[in-house]
């Protein structure tokens, strides 16, 4: 990723584009930031050695260009309405803007491009797409707090993310549908508080980083590789699947903490219908994570007599184990700190 200077330049411009969007005080400025972000991410995606990444970058460009066009036209309509006495309903314009931003972030029902595109990317690009690329659209969505459309999108995201991940064997698609599910939680958090979705996003980004870091070290892309790779190191196998359970939100692990905060706030606001749907969908995602973990832990796969010596960078393994420790024991450590202070 960082082996040539042009990639570093594009990463800096991508971050700059997000910062322009987040700090902008007009919709036109926010749109410009989104465009800078889009045009700098496409060169990062395309790889000469991998044709699927070129296809993925084209898909990404087309969907994001469509969303940007719709957003720009709705911004122009909003300016026309404010500057002249045109008979237009403000809520319709806001709904068009919100739909364009949901398409940009990959939330349901505008999610169809997201898993197919993830399938053609490397793990580092997938990580950027699942975390950094969501900051700007989500920040703009939080300004447009249209409850009915956000509620519909949140419910559809969590249900589609849960059910579509059931029969996936590709890890990139599994992570994509997991991302859509978590996006539903973030949108739900957005409806109840300004900063709760940011807390959720930070926790989600950390857990996704831990998992994708491991997948990238070992170049794992499918479930079958996970089962047969770690016969020589049971600790690595154990930590990897614990991270899976943490991402799913199983209570003793740190991934449960942001869900706990959202559940608490939703119950305070008496939004029990949304709360039930979110909880049930998370149970479905936990079911397929547990099914993977159960298969890996309990079933006896035959061990090969010969094993490839995995050339591992010592620093990267130490970093991974440190991130895993935080992921597994983070909730307990935070609870201890909370009671001590």
C-alpha atoms as a PDB file:
ATOM      1  CA  UNK A   1       0.000   0.000   0.000  1.00  0.00           C
ATOM      2  CA  UNK A   2       2.681   2.510   1.039  1.00  0.00           C
ATOM      3  CA  UNK A   3       5.415   1.275  -1.286  1.00  0.00           C
ATOM      4  CA  UNK A   4       5.145   4.137  -3.758  1.00  0.00           C
ATOM      5  CA  UNK A   5       4.841   7.879  -3.356  1.00  0.00           C
ATOM      6  CA  UNK A   6       1.754   8.306  -5.568  1.00  0.00           C
ATOM      7  CA  UNK A   7      -0.296   6.073  -3.219  1.00  0.00           C
ATOM      8  CA  UNK A   8       0.731   8.202  -0.233  1.00  0.00           C
ATOM      9  CA  UNK A   9      -0.265  11.336  -2.189  1.00  0.00           C
ATOM     10  CA  UNK A  10      -3.697   9.898  -3.032  1.00  0.00           C
ATOM     11  CA  UNK A  11      -4.269   8.805   0.584  1.00  0.00           C
ATOM     12  CA  UNK A  12      -3.493  12.348   1.750  1.00  0.00           C
ATOM     13  CA  UNK A  13      -5.879  13.835  -0.854  1.00  0.00           C
ATOM     14  CA  UNK A  14      -8.572  11.306   0.127  1.00  0.00           C
ATOM     15  CA  UNK A  15      -8.272  12.366   3.769  1.00  0.00           C
ATOM     16  CA  UNK A  16      -8.295  16.017   2.727  1.00  0.00           C
ATOM     17  CA  UNK A  17     -11.531  15.468   0.751  1.00  0.00           C
ATOM     18  CA  UNK A  18     -13.214  13.962   3.814  1.00  0.00           C
ATOM     19  CA  UNK A  19     -12.010  16.846   5.999  1.00  0.00           C
ATOM     20  CA  UNK A  20     -13.370  19.402   3.489  1.00  0.00           C
ATOM     21  CA  UNK A  21     -16.788  17.692   3.613  1.00  0.00           C
ATOM     22  CA  UNK A  22     -16.877  17.449   7.399  1.00  0.00           C
ATOM     23  CA  UNK A  23     -15.771  21.053   7.998  1.00  0.00           C
ATOM     24  CA  UNK A  24     -17.743  22.655   5.153  1.00  0.00           C
ATOM     25  CA  UNK A  25     -20.446  25.181   6.022  1.00  0.00           C
ATOM     26  CA  UNK A  26     -22.351  24.850   2.723  1.00  0.00           C
ATOM     27  CA  UNK A  27     -23.791  21.928   0.790  1.00  0.00           C
ATOM     28  CA  UNK A  28     -21.784  22.839  -2.306  1.00  0.00           C
ATOM     29  CA  UNK A  29     -18.545  22.727  -0.318  1.00  0.00           C
ATOM     30  CA  UNK A  30     -19.548  19.345   1.114  1.00  0.00           C
ATOM     31  CA  UNK A  31     -20.222  18.048  -2.420  1.00  0.00           C
ATOM     32  CA  UNK A  32     -16.784  19.267  -3.552  1.00  0.00           C
ATOM     33  CA  UNK A  33     -15.143  17.408  -0.673  1.00  0.00           C
ATOM     34  CA  UNK A  34     -17.004  14.210  -1.606  1.00  0.00           C
ATOM     35  CA  UNK A  35     -15.811  14.531  -5.212  1.00  0.00           C
ATOM     36  CA  UNK A  36     -12.160  15.038  -4.178  1.00  0.00           C
ATOM     37  CA  UNK A  37     -12.490  12.013  -1.907  1.00  0.00           C
ATOM     38  CA  UNK A  38     -13.976   9.889  -4.723  1.00  0.00           C
ATOM     39  CA  UNK A  39     -11.404  10.852  -7.366  1.00  0.00           C
ATOM     40  CA  UNK A  40      -8.465  10.146  -5.046  1.00  0.00           C
ATOM     41  CA  UNK A  41      -9.802   6.747  -3.891  1.00  0.00           C
ATOM     42  CA  UNK A  42     -10.154   5.330  -7.433  1.00  0.00           C
ATOM     43  CA  UNK A  43      -6.352   5.307  -8.179  1.00  0.00           C
ATOM     44  CA  UNK A  44      -5.803   3.592  -4.807  1.00  0.00           C
ATOM     45  CA  UNK A  45      -8.208   0.824  -5.810  1.00  0.00           C
ATOM     46  CA  UNK A  46      -6.874   0.015  -9.258  1.00  0.00           C
ATOM     47  CA  UNK A  47      -4.011  -2.476  -9.376  1.00  0.00           C
ATOM     48  CA  UNK A  48      -2.230  -3.520 -12.586  1.00  0.00           C
ATOM     49  CA  UNK A  49      -1.751  -7.086 -11.320  1.00  0.00           C
ATOM     50  CA  UNK A  50      -5.403  -7.578 -10.447  1.00  0.00           C
ATOM     51  CA  UNK A  51      -8.103  -7.165 -13.121  1.00  0.00           C
ATOM     52  CA  UNK A  52     -10.982  -7.495 -10.633  1.00  0.00           C
ATOM     53  CA  UNK A  53      -9.801  -4.337  -8.859  1.00  0.00           C
ATOM     54  CA  UNK A  54     -10.086  -2.394 -12.141  1.00  0.00           C
ATOM     55  CA  UNK A  55     -13.639  -3.668 -12.537  1.00  0.00           C
ATOM     56  CA  UNK A  56     -14.389  -2.749  -8.912  1.00  0.00           C
ATOM     57  CA  UNK A  57     -13.012   0.772  -9.390  1.00  0.00           C
ATOM     58  CA  UNK A  58     -15.273   1.247 -12.430  1.00  0.00           C
ATOM     59  CA  UNK A  59     -18.322   0.049 -10.469  1.00  0.00           C
ATOM     60  CA  UNK A  60     -17.396   2.369  -7.615  1.00  0.00           C
ATOM     61  CA  UNK A  61     -16.949   5.333  -9.947  1.00  0.00           C
ATOM     62  CA  UNK A  62     -20.329   4.797 -11.665  1.00  0.00           C
ATOM     63  CA  UNK A  63     -22.350   4.428  -8.455  1.00  0.00           C
ATOM     64  CA  UNK A  64     -20.611   7.313  -6.695  1.00  0.00           C
ATOM     65  CA  UNK A  65     -20.906   9.547  -9.781  1.00  0.00           C
ATOM     66  CA  UNK A  66     -24.665   8.833  -9.890  1.00  0.00           C
ATOM     67  CA  UNK A  67     -25.003   9.668  -6.184  1.00  0.00           C
ATOM     68  CA  UNK A  68     -22.901  12.834  -6.601  1.00  0.00           C
ATOM     69  CA  UNK A  69     -25.019  13.977  -9.562  1.00  0.00           C
ATOM     70  CA  UNK A  70     -28.272  13.487  -7.644  1.00  0.00           C
ATOM     71  CA  UNK A  71     -26.789  15.258  -4.611  1.00  0.00           C
ATOM     72  CA  UNK A  72     -25.588  18.206  -6.728  1.00  0.00           C
ATOM     73  CA  UNK A  73     -28.965  18.631  -8.421  1.00  0.00           C
ATOM     74  CA  UNK A  74     -30.787  18.503  -5.085  1.00  0.00           C
ATOM     75  CA  UNK A  75     -28.365  21.119  -3.678  1.00  0.00           C
ATOM     76  CA  UNK A  76     -29.094  23.346  -6.705  1.00  0.00           C
ATOM     77  CA  UNK A  77     -32.845  22.868  -6.138  1.00  0.00           C
ATOM     78  CA  UNK A  78     -32.397  23.821  -2.487  1.00  0.00           C
ATOM     79  CA  UNK A  79     -30.502  26.988  -3.474  1.00  0.00           C
ATOM     80  CA  UNK A  80     -33.206  27.888  -6.024  1.00  0.00           C
ATOM     81  CA  UNK A  81     -35.889  27.428  -3.387  1.00  0.00           C
ATOM     82  CA  UNK A  82     -34.019  29.631  -0.904  1.00  0.00           C
ATOM     83  CA  UNK A  83     -33.163  32.373  -3.423  1.00  0.00           C
ATOM     84  CA  UNK A  84     -36.459  32.561  -5.314  1.00  0.00           C
ATOM     85  CA  UNK A  85     -40.084  31.922  -4.496  1.00  0.00           C
ATOM     86  CA  UNK A  86     -40.354  28.560  -6.240  1.00  0.00           C
ATOM     87  CA  UNK A  87     -43.216  26.327  -5.135  1.00  0.00           C
ATOM     88  CA  UNK A  88     -41.210  23.334  -3.912  1.00  0.00           C
ATOM     89  CA  UNK A  89     -41.573  21.220  -0.826  1.00  0.00           C
ATOM     90  CA  UNK A  90     -38.413  21.325   1.292  1.00  0.00           C
ATOM     91  CA  UNK A  91     -38.931  17.783   2.635  1.00  0.00           C
ATOM     92  CA  UNK A  92     -38.884  16.304  -0.911  1.00  0.00           C
ATOM     93  CA  UNK A  93     -35.548  17.953  -1.670  1.00  0.00           C
ATOM     94  CA  UNK A  94     -34.124  16.716   1.645  1.00  0.00           C
ATOM     95  CA  UNK A  95     -35.330  13.190   0.908  1.00  0.00           C
ATOM     96  CA  UNK A  96     -33.566  13.225  -2.499  1.00  0.00           C
ATOM     97  CA  UNK A  97     -30.360  14.451  -0.815  1.00  0.00           C
ATOM     98  CA  UNK A  98     -30.630  11.807   1.879  1.00  0.00           C
ATOM     99  CA  UNK A  99     -31.188   9.042  -0.699  1.00  0.00           C
ATOM    100  CA  UNK A 100     -28.047  10.134  -2.588  1.00  0.00           C
ATOM    101  CA  UNK A 101     -26.004  10.085   0.640  1.00  0.00           C
ATOM    102  CA  UNK A 102     -27.357   6.642   1.591  1.00  0.00           C
ATOM    103  CA  UNK A 103     -26.272   5.409  -1.844  1.00  0.00           C
ATOM    104  CA  UNK A 104     -22.794   6.877  -1.230  1.00  0.00           C
ATOM    105  CA  UNK A 105     -22.460   5.143   2.136  1.00  0.00           C
ATOM    106  CA  UNK A 106     -23.819   1.796   0.885  1.00  0.00           C
ATOM    107  CA  UNK A 107     -26.830   1.612   3.215  1.00  0.00           C
ATOM    108  CA  UNK A 108     -29.900  -0.437   2.277  1.00  0.00           C
ATOM    109  CA  UNK A 109     -31.962  -0.201   0.060  1.00  0.00           C
ATOM    110  CA  UNK A 110     -29.082   1.295  -2.000  1.00  0.00           C
ATOM    111  CA  UNK A 111     -26.539  -1.360  -1.011  1.00  0.00           C
ATOM    112  CA  UNK A 112     -26.387  -3.555  -4.146  1.00  0.00           C
ATOM    113  CA  UNK A 113     -23.056  -2.186  -5.416  1.00  0.00           C
ATOM    114  CA  UNK A 114     -21.223  -2.626  -2.114  1.00  0.00           C
ATOM    115  CA  UNK A 115     -20.681  -6.434  -1.672  1.00  0.00           C
ATOM    116  CA  UNK A 116     -19.938  -7.014  -5.392  1.00  0.00           C
ATOM    117  CA  UNK A 117     -17.387  -4.243  -5.357  1.00  0.00           C
ATOM    118  CA  UNK A 118     -15.730  -5.464  -2.155  1.00  0.00           C
ATOM    119  CA  UNK A 119     -15.143  -8.831  -3.813  1.00  0.00           C
ATOM    120  CA  UNK A 120     -12.637  -7.267  -6.226  1.00  0.00           C
ATOM    121  CA  UNK A 121     -10.581  -5.271  -3.694  1.00  0.00           C
ATOM    122  CA  UNK A 122      -7.520  -6.009  -1.585  1.00  0.00           C
ATOM    123  CA  UNK A 123      -7.949  -6.073   2.199  1.00  0.00           C
ATOM    124  CA  UNK A 124      -6.412  -2.656   2.769  1.00  0.00           C
ATOM    125  CA  UNK A 125      -8.708  -1.051   0.184  1.00  0.00           C
ATOM    126  CA  UNK A 126     -11.668  -2.907   1.699  1.00  0.00           C
ATOM    127  CA  UNK A 127     -10.733  -1.529   5.116  1.00  0.00           C
ATOM    128  CA  UNK A 128     -10.671   2.038   3.766  1.00  0.00           C
ATOM    129  CA  UNK A 129     -14.008   1.509   2.032  1.00  0.00           C
ATOM    130  CA  UNK A 130     -15.653   0.095   5.166  1.00  0.00           C
ATOM    131  CA  UNK A 131     -14.315   2.749   7.550  1.00  0.00           C
ATOM    132  CA  UNK A 132     -12.839   6.003   6.206  1.00  0.00           C
ATOM    133  CA  UNK A 133     -15.075   6.280   3.128  1.00  0.00           C
ATOM    134  CA  UNK A 134     -18.172   6.217   5.328  1.00  0.00           C
ATOM    135  CA  UNK A 135     -17.216   9.203   7.512  1.00  0.00           C
ATOM    136  CA  UNK A 136     -18.202  11.996   5.079  1.00  0.00           C
ATOM    137  CA  UNK A 137     -21.596  10.571   3.912  1.00  0.00           C
ATOM    138  CA  UNK A 138     -22.597   9.641   7.476  1.00  0.00           C
ATOM    139  CA  UNK A 139     -21.692  13.093   8.754  1.00  0.00           C
ATOM    140  CA  UNK A 140     -23.900  14.674   6.063  1.00  0.00           C
ATOM    141  CA  UNK A 141     -26.719  12.182   6.801  1.00  0.00           C
ATOM    142  CA  UNK A 142     -26.622  13.274  10.465  1.00  0.00           C
ATOM    143  CA  UNK A 143     -27.420  16.855   9.327  1.00  0.00           C
ATOM    144  CA  UNK A 144     -30.535  15.654   7.453  1.00  0.00           C
ATOM    145  CA  UNK A 145     -32.454  14.066  10.284  1.00  0.00           C
ATOM    146  CA  UNK A 146     -35.530  12.877   8.343  1.00  0.00           C
ATOM    147  CA  UNK A 147     -36.927  10.273  10.743  1.00  0.00           C
ATOM    148  CA  UNK A 148     -39.198   8.172   8.435  1.00  0.00           C
ATOM    149  CA  UNK A 149     -36.559   7.630   5.719  1.00  0.00           C
ATOM    150  CA  UNK A 150     -33.764   7.027   8.243  1.00  0.00           C
ATOM    151  CA  UNK A 151     -35.937   4.535  10.141  1.00  0.00           C
ATOM    152  CA  UNK A 152     -36.749   2.638   6.922  1.00  0.00           C
ATOM    153  CA  UNK A 153     -33.085   2.565   5.893  1.00  0.00           C
ATOM    154  CA  UNK A 154     -31.930   1.421   9.351  1.00  0.00           C
ATOM    155  CA  UNK A 155     -34.454  -1.443   9.481  1.00  0.00           C
ATOM    156  CA  UNK A 156     -33.685  -2.564   5.920  1.00  0.00           C
ATOM    157  CA  UNK A 157     -29.901  -2.346   6.512  1.00  0.00           C
ATOM    158  CA  UNK A 158     -29.903  -4.520   9.613  1.00  0.00           C
ATOM    159  CA  UNK A 159     -32.261  -7.124   8.089  1.00  0.00           C
ATOM    160  CA  UNK A 160     -30.462  -7.323   4.707  1.00  0.00           C
ATOM    161  CA  UNK A 161     -27.039  -7.324   6.384  1.00  0.00           C
ATOM    162  CA  UNK A 162     -28.094 -10.192   8.673  1.00  0.00           C
ATOM    163  CA  UNK A 163     -29.905 -12.403   6.147  1.00  0.00           C
ATOM    164  CA  UNK A 164     -27.527 -11.916   3.202  1.00  0.00           C
ATOM    165  CA  UNK A 165     -24.486 -12.925   5.232  1.00  0.00           C
ATOM    166  CA  UNK A 166     -25.979 -16.318   6.079  1.00  0.00           C
ATOM    167  CA  UNK A 167     -24.649 -18.384   3.176  1.00  0.00           C
ATOM    168  CA  UNK A 168     -21.503 -16.487   2.223  1.00  0.00           C
ATOM    169  CA  UNK A 169     -18.195 -18.293   1.862  1.00  0.00           C
ATOM    170  CA  UNK A 170     -16.214 -15.254   0.699  1.00  0.00           C
ATOM    171  CA  UNK A 171     -14.837 -13.295   3.660  1.00  0.00           C
ATOM    172  CA  UNK A 172     -14.924  -9.978   1.796  1.00  0.00           C
ATOM    173  CA  UNK A 173     -18.649 -10.377   1.101  1.00  0.00           C
ATOM    174  CA  UNK A 174     -19.194 -11.483   4.697  1.00  0.00           C
ATOM    175  CA  UNK A 175     -17.455  -8.323   5.934  1.00  0.00           C
ATOM    176  CA  UNK A 176     -19.460  -6.216   3.448  1.00  0.00           C
ATOM    177  CA  UNK A 177     -22.813  -7.521   4.726  1.00  0.00           C
ATOM    178  CA  UNK A 178     -21.557  -7.128   8.295  1.00  0.00           C
ATOM    179  CA  UNK A 179     -20.732  -3.508   7.420  1.00  0.00           C
ATOM    180  CA  UNK A 180     -24.278  -2.959   6.063  1.00  0.00           C
ATOM    181  CA  UNK A 181     -25.680  -4.412   9.303  1.00  0.00           C
ATOM    182  CA  UNK A 182     -23.502  -2.117  11.441  1.00  0.00           C
ATOM    183  CA  UNK A 183     -24.502   0.813   9.228  1.00  0.00           C
ATOM    184  CA  UNK A 184     -28.125   0.155  10.240  1.00  0.00           C
ATOM    185  CA  UNK A 185     -27.065   0.436  13.895  1.00  0.00           C
ATOM    186  CA  UNK A 186     -25.203   3.696  13.163  1.00  0.00           C
ATOM    187  CA  UNK A 187     -28.238   5.215  11.422  1.00  0.00           C
ATOM    188  CA  UNK A 188     -30.406   4.166  14.400  1.00  0.00           C
ATOM    189  CA  UNK A 189     -27.897   5.808  16.761  1.00  0.00           C
ATOM    190  CA  UNK A 190     -28.013   8.937  14.574  1.00  0.00           C
ATOM    191  CA  UNK A 191     -31.765   9.292  15.162  1.00  0.00           C
ATOM    192  CA  UNK A 192     -31.383   9.397  18.954  1.00  0.00           C
ATOM    193  CA  UNK A 193     -28.210  11.414  19.505  1.00  0.00           C
ATOM    194  CA  UNK A 194     -25.589  13.493  17.770  1.00  0.00           C
ATOM    195  CA  UNK A 195     -22.475  11.792  19.115  1.00  0.00           C
ATOM    196  CA  UNK A 196     -23.617   8.194  19.793  1.00  0.00           C
ATOM    197  CA  UNK A 197     -23.156   7.136  16.156  1.00  0.00           C
ATOM    198  CA  UNK A 198     -19.587   8.500  16.256  1.00  0.00           C
ATOM    199  CA  UNK A 199     -18.791   6.331  19.300  1.00  0.00           C
ATOM    200  CA  UNK A 200     -20.291   3.315  17.512  1.00  0.00           C
ATOM    201  CA  UNK A 201     -18.339   4.114  14.346  1.00  0.00           C
ATOM    202  CA  UNK A 202     -15.021   4.328  16.234  1.00  0.00           C
ATOM    203  CA  UNK A 203     -15.562   0.957  17.915  1.00  0.00           C
ATOM    204  CA  UNK A 204     -16.667  -0.630  14.630  1.00  0.00           C
ATOM    205  CA  UNK A 205     -13.615   0.799  12.812  1.00  0.00           C
ATOM    206  CA  UNK A 206     -11.267  -0.598  15.447  1.00  0.00           C
ATOM    207  CA  UNK A 207     -12.785  -4.111  15.297  1.00  0.00           C
ATOM    208  CA  UNK A 208     -12.790  -4.105  11.475  1.00  0.00           C
ATOM    209  CA  UNK A 209      -9.148  -2.965  11.481  1.00  0.00           C
ATOM    210  CA  UNK A 210      -8.169  -5.864  13.774  1.00  0.00           C
ATOM    211  CA  UNK A 211      -9.846  -8.486  11.564  1.00  0.00           C
ATOM    212  CA  UNK A 212      -8.734  -7.122   8.190  1.00  0.00           C
ATOM    213  CA  UNK A 213      -5.181  -6.706   9.501  1.00  0.00           C
ATOM    214  CA  UNK A 214      -5.090 -10.441  10.235  1.00  0.00           C
ATOM    215  CA  UNK A 215      -6.689 -11.377   6.899  1.00  0.00           C
ATOM    216  CA  UNK A 216      -4.147  -9.203   5.107  1.00  0.00           C
ATOM    217  CA  UNK A 217      -1.134 -10.765   6.886  1.00  0.00           C
ATOM    218  CA  UNK A 218      -2.148 -14.304   5.913  1.00  0.00           C
ATOM    219  CA  UNK A 219      -3.866 -13.371   2.604  1.00  0.00           C
ATOM    220  CA  UNK A 220      -7.111 -15.096   3.636  1.00  0.00           C
ATOM    221  CA  UNK A 221     -10.087 -14.497   1.342  1.00  0.00           C
ATOM    222  CA  UNK A 222     -12.386 -17.516   1.903  1.00  0.00           C
ATOM    223  CA  UNK A 223     -13.694 -19.454   4.881  1.00  0.00           C
ATOM    224  CA  UNK A 224     -12.033 -22.716   3.820  1.00  0.00           C
ATOM    225  CA  UNK A 225      -8.626 -21.031   4.112  1.00  0.00           C
ATOM    226  CA  UNK A 226      -9.353 -20.062   7.715  1.00  0.00           C
ATOM    227  CA  UNK A 227     -10.128 -23.628   8.761  1.00  0.00           C
ATOM    228  CA  UNK A 228      -6.996 -25.144   7.265  1.00  0.00           C
ATOM    229  CA  UNK A 229      -4.415 -22.398   7.853  1.00  0.00           C
ATOM    230  CA  UNK A 230      -3.780 -22.318  11.603  1.00  0.00           C
ATOM    231  CA  UNK A 231      -3.089 -25.942  12.484  1.00  0.00           C
ATOM    232  CA  UNK A 232       0.439 -25.018  13.533  1.00  0.00           C
ATOM    233  CA  UNK A 233      -0.752 -22.210  15.830  1.00  0.00           C
ATOM    234  CA  UNK A 234      -3.941 -22.752  17.782  1.00  0.00           C
ATOM    235  CA  UNK A 235      -3.562 -19.401  19.573  1.00  0.00           C
ATOM    236  CA  UNK A 236      -3.794 -17.479  16.283  1.00  0.00           C
ATOM    237  CA  UNK A 237      -6.871 -19.482  15.331  1.00  0.00           C
ATOM    238  CA  UNK A 238      -8.472 -18.775  18.709  1.00  0.00           C
ATOM    239  CA  UNK A 239      -7.746 -15.024  18.617  1.00  0.00           C
ATOM    240  CA  UNK A 240      -9.066 -14.699  15.047  1.00  0.00           C
ATOM    241  CA  UNK A 241     -12.421 -16.268  15.872  1.00  0.00           C
ATOM    242  CA  UNK A 242     -12.700 -14.321  19.127  1.00  0.00           C
ATOM    243  CA  UNK A 243     -12.363 -11.166  17.004  1.00  0.00           C
ATOM    244  CA  UNK A 244     -15.203 -12.434  14.815  1.00  0.00           C
ATOM    245  CA  UNK A 245     -17.417 -12.828  17.879  1.00  0.00           C
ATOM    246  CA  UNK A 246     -16.404  -9.382  19.114  1.00  0.00           C
ATOM    247  CA  UNK A 247     -17.418  -7.835  15.761  1.00  0.00           C
ATOM    248  CA  UNK A 248     -20.744  -9.668  16.031  1.00  0.00           C
ATOM    249  CA  UNK A 249     -21.360  -8.089  19.449  1.00  0.00           C
ATOM    250  CA  UNK A 250     -21.193 -11.050  21.832  1.00  0.00           C
ATOM    251  CA  UNK A 251     -21.434  -9.658  25.409  1.00  0.00           C
ATOM    252  CA  UNK A 252     -18.081 -10.385  27.107  1.00  0.00           C
ATOM    253  CA  UNK A 253     -16.166  -8.751  24.239  1.00  0.00           C
ATOM    254  CA  UNK A 254     -15.655  -5.091  23.366  1.00  0.00           C
ATOM    255  CA  UNK A 255     -17.953  -5.192  20.309  1.00  0.00           C
ATOM    256  CA  UNK A 256     -20.905  -5.394  22.690  1.00  0.00           C
ATOM    257  CA  UNK A 257     -20.198  -1.980  24.267  1.00  0.00           C
ATOM    258  CA  UNK A 258     -21.379   0.294  21.385  1.00  0.00           C
ATOM    259  CA  UNK A 259     -24.459  -1.912  20.897  1.00  0.00           C
ATOM    260  CA  UNK A 260     -25.147  -1.652  24.629  1.00  0.00           C
ATOM    261  CA  UNK A 261     -25.016   2.162  24.449  1.00  0.00           C
ATOM    262  CA  UNK A 262     -27.429   2.249  21.471  1.00  0.00           C
ATOM    263  CA  UNK A 263     -29.821  -0.248  23.112  1.00  0.00           C
ATOM    264  CA  UNK A 264     -29.849   1.825  26.309  1.00  0.00           C
ATOM    265  CA  UNK A 265     -30.563   5.091  24.459  1.00  0.00           C
ATOM    266  CA  UNK A 266     -33.309   3.503  22.325  1.00  0.00           C
ATOM    267  CA  UNK A 267     -35.008   2.096  25.437  1.00  0.00           C
ATOM    268  CA  UNK A 268     -34.826   5.556  27.099  1.00  0.00           C
ATOM    269  CA  UNK A 269     -36.563   7.012  24.014  1.00  0.00           C
ATOM    270  CA  UNK A 270     -39.238   4.253  24.029  1.00  0.00           C
ATOM    271  CA  UNK A 271     -38.335   3.115  20.488  1.00  0.00           C
ATOM    272  CA  UNK A 272     -39.021  -0.532  21.254  1.00  0.00           C
ATOM    273  CA  UNK A 273     -40.036  -1.578  17.722  1.00  0.00           C
ATOM    274  CA  UNK A 274     -36.671  -0.510  16.268  1.00  0.00           C
ATOM    275  CA  UNK A 275     -34.861  -2.001  19.263  1.00  0.00           C
ATOM    276  CA  UNK A 276     -36.451  -5.442  18.757  1.00  0.00           C
ATOM    277  CA  UNK A 277     -35.568  -5.471  15.021  1.00  0.00           C
ATOM    278  CA  UNK A 278     -31.952  -4.419  15.729  1.00  0.00           C
ATOM    279  CA  UNK A 279     -31.519  -7.048  18.448  1.00  0.00           C
ATOM    280  CA  UNK A 280     -33.054  -9.901  16.439  1.00  0.00           C
ATOM    281  CA  UNK A 281     -30.960  -9.061  13.353  1.00  0.00           C
ATOM    282  CA  UNK A 282     -27.801  -9.006  15.495  1.00  0.00           C
ATOM    283  CA  UNK A 283     -28.712 -12.432  16.839  1.00  0.00           C
ATOM    284  CA  UNK A 284     -28.871 -13.681  13.236  1.00  0.00           C
ATOM    285  CA  UNK A 285     -25.403 -12.252  12.473  1.00  0.00           C
ATOM    286  CA  UNK A 286     -24.108 -13.819  15.678  1.00  0.00           C
ATOM    287  CA  UNK A 287     -25.623 -17.124  14.576  1.00  0.00           C
ATOM    288  CA  UNK A 288     -23.575 -17.278  11.392  1.00  0.00           C
ATOM    289  CA  UNK A 289     -20.414 -16.059  13.165  1.00  0.00           C
ATOM    290  CA  UNK A 290     -20.914 -18.735  15.835  1.00  0.00           C
ATOM    291  CA  UNK A 291     -21.530 -21.339  13.142  1.00  0.00           C
ATOM    292  CA  UNK A 292     -18.157 -20.467  11.552  1.00  0.00           C
ATOM    293  CA  UNK A 293     -16.403 -20.489  14.939  1.00  0.00           C
ATOM    294  CA  UNK A 294     -18.053 -23.753  15.986  1.00  0.00           C
ATOM    295  CA  UNK A 295     -16.918 -25.419  12.759  1.00  0.00           C
ATOM    296  CA  UNK A 296     -13.374 -24.172  13.243  1.00  0.00           C
ATOM    297  CA  UNK A 297     -13.095 -25.071  16.939  1.00  0.00           C
ATOM    298  CA  UNK A 298     -15.057 -28.310  17.242  1.00  0.00           C
ATOM    299  CA  UNK A 299     -14.759 -30.244  13.996  1.00  0.00           C
ATOM    300  CA  UNK A 300     -11.622 -32.297  13.545  1.00  0.00           C
ATOM    301  CA  UNK A 301      -9.948 -31.365  10.279  1.00  0.00           C
ATOM    302  CA  UNK A 302      -7.047 -33.594   9.326  1.00  0.00           C
ATOM    303  CA  UNK A 303      -3.659 -31.959   9.761  1.00  0.00           C
ATOM    304  CA  UNK A 304      -1.134 -31.948   6.942  1.00  0.00           C
ATOM    305  CA  UNK A 305       2.225 -33.612   7.494  1.00  0.00           C
ATOM    306  CA  UNK A 306       3.964 -30.768   5.705  1.00  0.00           C
ATOM    307  CA  UNK A 307       3.372 -27.133   6.597  1.00  0.00           C
ATOM    308  CA  UNK A 308       4.472 -24.036   4.804  1.00  0.00           C
ATOM    309  CA  UNK A 309       6.738 -21.905   6.938  1.00  0.00           C
ATOM    310  CA  UNK A 310       4.801 -18.649   7.154  1.00  0.00           C
ATOM    311  CA  UNK A 311       7.261 -15.779   6.923  1.00  0.00           C
ATOM    312  CA  UNK A 312       5.739 -13.380   9.431  1.00  0.00           C
ATOM    313  CA  UNK A 313       6.875  -9.934  10.307  1.00  0.00           C
ATOM    314  CA  UNK A 314       7.427 -10.004  14.062  1.00  0.00           C
ATOM    315  CA  UNK A 315       6.178  -6.433  14.558  1.00  0.00           C
ATOM    316  CA  UNK A 316       2.929  -7.016  12.666  1.00  0.00           C
ATOM    317  CA  UNK A 317       2.140 -10.126  14.758  1.00  0.00           C
ATOM    318  CA  UNK A 318       2.795  -8.259  18.004  1.00  0.00           C
ATOM    319  CA  UNK A 319       0.561  -5.420  16.801  1.00  0.00           C
ATOM    320  CA  UNK A 320      -2.184  -7.869  15.838  1.00  0.00           C
ATOM    321  CA  UNK A 321      -2.062  -9.625  19.232  1.00  0.00           C
ATOM    322  CA  UNK A 322      -2.193  -6.266  21.035  1.00  0.00           C
ATOM    323  CA  UNK A 323      -5.261  -5.188  19.002  1.00  0.00           C
ATOM    324  CA  UNK A 324      -6.870  -8.574  19.698  1.00  0.00           C
ATOM    325  CA  UNK A 325      -6.263  -8.213  23.434  1.00  0.00           C
ATOM    326  CA  UNK A 326      -8.082  -4.847  23.394  1.00  0.00           C
ATOM    327  CA  UNK A 327     -10.887  -6.349  21.283  1.00  0.00           C
ATOM    328  CA  UNK A 328     -11.437  -9.307  23.636  1.00  0.00           C
ATOM    329  CA  UNK A 329     -10.872  -7.699  27.042  1.00  0.00           C
ATOM    330  CA  UNK A 330     -11.763  -4.078  26.189  1.00  0.00           C
ATOM    331  CA  UNK A 331     -15.255  -4.187  27.721  1.00  0.00           C
ATOM    332  CA  UNK A 332     -13.902  -5.514  31.038  1.00  0.00           C
ATOM    333  CA  UNK A 333     -11.099  -2.920  31.112  1.00  0.00           C
ATOM    334  CA  UNK A 334     -13.526  -0.054  30.351  1.00  0.00           C
ATOM    335  CA  UNK A 335     -15.930  -1.351  33.033  1.00  0.00           C
ATOM    336  CA  UNK A 336     -13.097  -1.465  35.598  1.00  0.00           C
ATOM    337  CA  UNK A 337     -12.008   2.073  34.718  1.00  0.00           C
ATOM    338  CA  UNK A 338     -15.628   3.277  34.959  1.00  0.00           C
ATOM    339  CA  UNK A 339     -16.060   1.831  38.472  1.00  0.00           C
ATOM    340  CA  UNK A 340     -12.654   3.075  39.642  1.00  0.00           C
ATOM    341  CA  UNK A 341     -13.174   6.695  38.543  1.00  0.00           C
END
